[in-house]
Amino acid sequence: IQHNGVAMGAPLAPIIADIFMANLETTLMDQLIDVGVCE
């Protein structure tokens, strides 16, 4: 039984994964810029 997330093979899985990764990259880049690691 899967309690959270999207099941592998679900039609929405690639779309949700893409949205999640874009959000993660944006969040991490903002944090890295704040601490001066990258510009």
PDB file of N, CA and C in Angstrom:
ATOM      1  N   ILE A   1       0.851  -1.177   0.000  1.00  0.00           N
ATOM      2  CA  ILE A   1       0.000   0.000   0.000  1.00  0.00           C
ATOM      3  C   ILE A   1       0.893   1.236   0.000  1.00  0.00           C
ATOM      4  N   GLN A   2       0.590   2.137  -0.919  1.00  0.00           N
ATOM      5  CA  GLN A   2       1.342   3.389  -0.986  1.00  0.00           C
ATOM      6  C   GLN A   2       0.543   4.468  -0.274  1.00  0.00           C
ATOM      7  N   HIS A   3       1.178   5.125   0.704  1.00  0.00           N
ATOM      8  CA  HIS A   3       0.470   6.105   1.520  1.00  0.00           C
ATOM      9  C   HIS A   3       0.622   7.534   1.029  1.00  0.00           C
ATOM     10  N   ASN A   4       1.706   7.836   0.323  1.00  0.00           N
ATOM     11  CA  ASN A   4       1.858   9.193  -0.206  1.00  0.00           C
ATOM     12  C   ASN A   4       2.695   9.140  -1.470  1.00  0.00           C
ATOM     13  N   GLY A   5       2.698  10.220  -2.213  1.00  0.00           N
ATOM     14  CA  GLY A   5       3.424  10.256  -3.469  1.00  0.00           C
ATOM     15  C   GLY A   5       2.572   9.730  -4.607  1.00  0.00           C
ATOM     16  N   VAL A   6       3.219   9.559  -5.742  1.00  0.00           N
ATOM     17  CA  VAL A   6       2.524   9.095  -6.939  1.00  0.00           C
ATOM     18  C   VAL A   6       3.082   7.730  -7.304  1.00  0.00           C
ATOM     19  N   ALA A   7       2.208   6.804  -7.610  1.00  0.00           N
ATOM     20  CA  ALA A   7       2.641   5.459  -7.969  1.00  0.00           C
ATOM     21  C   ALA A   7       3.446   5.477  -9.267  1.00  0.00           C
ATOM     22  N   MET A   8       4.473   4.660  -9.316  1.00  0.00           N
ATOM     23  CA  MET A   8       5.244   4.525 -10.551  1.00  0.00           C
ATOM     24  C   MET A   8       4.310   3.994 -11.638  1.00  0.00           C
ATOM     25  N   GLY A   9       4.380   4.548 -12.812  1.00  0.00           N
ATOM     26  CA  GLY A   9       3.526   4.115 -13.900  1.00  0.00           C
ATOM     27  C   GLY A   9       2.216   4.867 -13.982  1.00  0.00           C
ATOM     28  N   ALA A  10       1.929   5.701 -12.997  1.00  0.00           N
ATOM     29  CA  ALA A  10       0.705   6.498 -13.060  1.00  0.00           C
ATOM     30  C   ALA A  10       0.870   7.553 -14.155  1.00  0.00           C
ATOM     31  N   PRO A  11      -0.176   7.842 -14.885  1.00  0.00           N
ATOM     32  CA  PRO A  11      -0.065   8.817 -15.982  1.00  0.00           C
ATOM     33  C   PRO A  11       0.421  10.199 -15.534  1.00  0.00           C
ATOM     34  N   LEU A  12       0.122  10.582 -14.302  1.00  0.00           N
ATOM     35  CA  LEU A  12       0.527  11.905 -13.824  1.00  0.00           C
ATOM     36  C   LEU A  12       1.935  11.928 -13.242  1.00  0.00           C
ATOM     37  N   ALA A  13       2.559  10.768 -13.053  1.00  0.00           N
ATOM     38  CA  ALA A  13       3.857  10.695 -12.385  1.00  0.00           C
ATOM     39  C   ALA A  13       4.916  11.601 -13.019  1.00  0.00           C
ATOM     40  N   PRO A  14       5.125  11.569 -14.342  1.00  0.00           N
ATOM     41  CA  PRO A  14       6.172  12.434 -14.914  1.00  0.00           C
ATOM     42  C   PRO A  14       5.881  13.922 -14.735  1.00  0.00           C
ATOM     43  N   ILE A  15       4.624  14.296 -14.825  1.00  0.00           N
ATOM     44  CA  ILE A  15       4.253  15.704 -14.689  1.00  0.00           C
ATOM     45  C   ILE A  15       4.488  16.175 -13.257  1.00  0.00           C
ATOM     46  N   ILE A  16       4.049  15.374 -12.290  1.00  0.00           N
ATOM     47  CA  ILE A  16       4.224  15.743 -10.886  1.00  0.00           C
ATOM     48  C   ILE A  16       5.700  15.760 -10.518  1.00  0.00           C
ATOM     49  N   ALA A  17       6.473  14.797 -11.036  1.00  0.00           N
ATOM     50  CA  ALA A  17       7.912  14.772 -10.768  1.00  0.00           C
ATOM     51  C   ALA A  17       8.587  16.015 -11.330  1.00  0.00           C
ATOM     52  N   ASP A  18       8.179  16.448 -12.521  1.00  0.00           N
ATOM     53  CA  ASP A  18       8.756  17.643 -13.138  1.00  0.00           C
ATOM     54  C   ASP A  18       8.437  18.890 -12.319  1.00  0.00           C
ATOM     55  N   ILE A  19       7.207  19.006 -11.857  1.00  0.00           N
ATOM     56  CA  ILE A  19       6.812  20.149 -11.026  1.00  0.00           C
ATOM     57  C   ILE A  19       7.594  20.143  -9.719  1.00  0.00           C
ATOM     58  N   PHE A  20       7.729  18.967  -9.099  1.00  0.00           N
ATOM     59  CA  PHE A  20       8.464  18.851  -7.843  1.00  0.00           C
ATOM     60  C   PHE A  20       9.923  19.254  -8.024  1.00  0.00           C
ATOM     61  N   MET A  21      10.567  18.761  -9.087  1.00  0.00           N
ATOM     62  CA  MET A  21      11.984  19.062  -9.306  1.00  0.00           C
ATOM     63  C   MET A  21      12.187  20.545  -9.616  1.00  0.00           C
ATOM     64  N   ALA A  22      11.291  21.145 -10.383  1.00  0.00           N
ATOM     65  CA  ALA A  22      11.405  22.572 -10.685  1.00  0.00           C
ATOM     66  C   ALA A  22      11.290  23.391  -9.404  1.00  0.00           C
ATOM     67  N   ASN A  23      10.362  23.021  -8.548  1.00  0.00           N
ATOM     68  CA  ASN A  23      10.191  23.715  -7.272  1.00  0.00           C
ATOM     69  C   ASN A  23      11.422  23.527  -6.392  1.00  0.00           C
ATOM     70  N   LEU A  24      11.949  22.314  -6.330  1.00  0.00           N
ATOM     71  CA  LEU A  24      13.132  22.031  -5.523  1.00  0.00           C
ATOM     72  C   LEU A  24      14.333  22.834  -6.014  1.00  0.00           C
ATOM     73  N   GLU A  25      14.542  22.852  -7.343  1.00  0.00           N
ATOM     74  CA  GLU A  25      15.663  23.605  -7.902  1.00  0.00           C
ATOM     75  C   GLU A  25      15.545  25.092  -7.589  1.00  0.00           C
ATOM     76  N   THR A  26      14.348  25.634  -7.721  1.00  0.00           N
ATOM     77  CA  THR A  26      14.137  27.053  -7.440  1.00  0.00           C
ATOM     78  C   THR A  26      14.417  27.362  -5.975  1.00  0.00           C
ATOM     79  N   THR A  27      13.895  26.514  -5.089  1.00  0.00           N
ATOM     80  CA  THR A  27      14.096  26.712  -3.652  1.00  0.00           C
ATOM     81  C   THR A  27      15.573  26.625  -3.294  1.00  0.00           C
ATOM     82  N   LEU A  28      16.251  25.610  -3.808  1.00  0.00           N
ATOM     83  CA  LEU A  28      17.670  25.446  -3.496  1.00  0.00           C
ATOM     84  C   LEU A  28      18.505  26.588  -4.063  1.00  0.00           C
ATOM     85  N   MET A  29      18.201  27.022  -5.291  1.00  0.00           N
ATOM     86  CA  MET A  29      18.969  28.121  -5.881  1.00  0.00           C
ATOM     87  C   MET A  29      18.786  29.394  -5.069  1.00  0.00           C
ATOM     88  N   ASP A  30      17.566  29.663  -4.620  1.00  0.00           N
ATOM     89  CA  ASP A  30      17.326  30.843  -3.788  1.00  0.00           C
ATOM     90  C   ASP A  30      18.158  30.778  -2.508  1.00  0.00           C
ATOM     91  N   GLN A  31      18.211  29.607  -1.891  1.00  0.00           N
ATOM     92  CA  GLN A  31      18.983  29.451  -0.657  1.00  0.00           C
ATOM     93  C   GLN A  31      20.478  29.589  -0.926  1.00  0.00           C
ATOM     94  N   LEU A  32      20.965  29.030  -2.035  1.00  0.00           N
ATOM     95  CA  LEU A  32      22.387  29.130  -2.364  1.00  0.00           C
ATOM     96  C   LEU A  32      22.784  30.574  -2.664  1.00  0.00           C
ATOM     97  N   ILE A  33      21.910  31.309  -3.331  1.00  0.00           N
ATOM     98  CA  ILE A  33      22.184  32.720  -3.613  1.00  0.00           C
ATOM     99  C   ILE A  33      22.205  33.513  -2.312  1.00  0.00           C
ATOM    100  N   ASP A  34      21.286  33.195  -1.395  1.00  0.00           N
ATOM    101  CA  ASP A  34      21.231  33.899  -0.107  1.00  0.00           C
ATOM    102  C   ASP A  34      22.515  33.735   0.695  1.00  0.00           C
ATOM    103  N   VAL A  35      23.124  32.553   0.649  1.00  0.00           N
ATOM    104  CA  VAL A  35      24.350  32.326   1.427  1.00  0.00           C
ATOM    105  C   VAL A  35      25.603  32.661   0.631  1.00  0.00           C
ATOM    106  N   GLY A  36      25.441  33.073  -0.629  1.00  0.00           N
ATOM    107  CA  GLY A  36      26.567  33.524  -1.430  1.00  0.00           C
ATOM    108  C   GLY A  36      27.358  32.430  -2.115  1.00  0.00           C
ATOM    109  N   VAL A  37      26.776  31.248  -2.267  1.00  0.00           N
ATOM    110  CA  VAL A  37      27.488  30.148  -2.923  1.00  0.00           C
ATOM    111  C   VAL A  37      27.510  30.338  -4.433  1.00  0.00           C
ATOM    112  N   CYS A  38      26.427  30.834  -5.000  1.00  0.00           N
ATOM    113  CA  CYS A  38      26.387  31.069  -6.445  1.00  0.00           C
ATOM    114  C   CYS A  38      25.673  32.389  -6.713  1.00  0.00           C
ATOM    115  N   GLU A  39      25.842  32.861  -7.916  1.00  0.00           N
ATOM    116  CA  GLU A  39      25.269  34.167  -8.277  1.00  0.00           C
ATOM    117  C   GLU A  39      24.156  34.029  -9.268  1.00  0.00           C
TER     118      GLU A  39
END
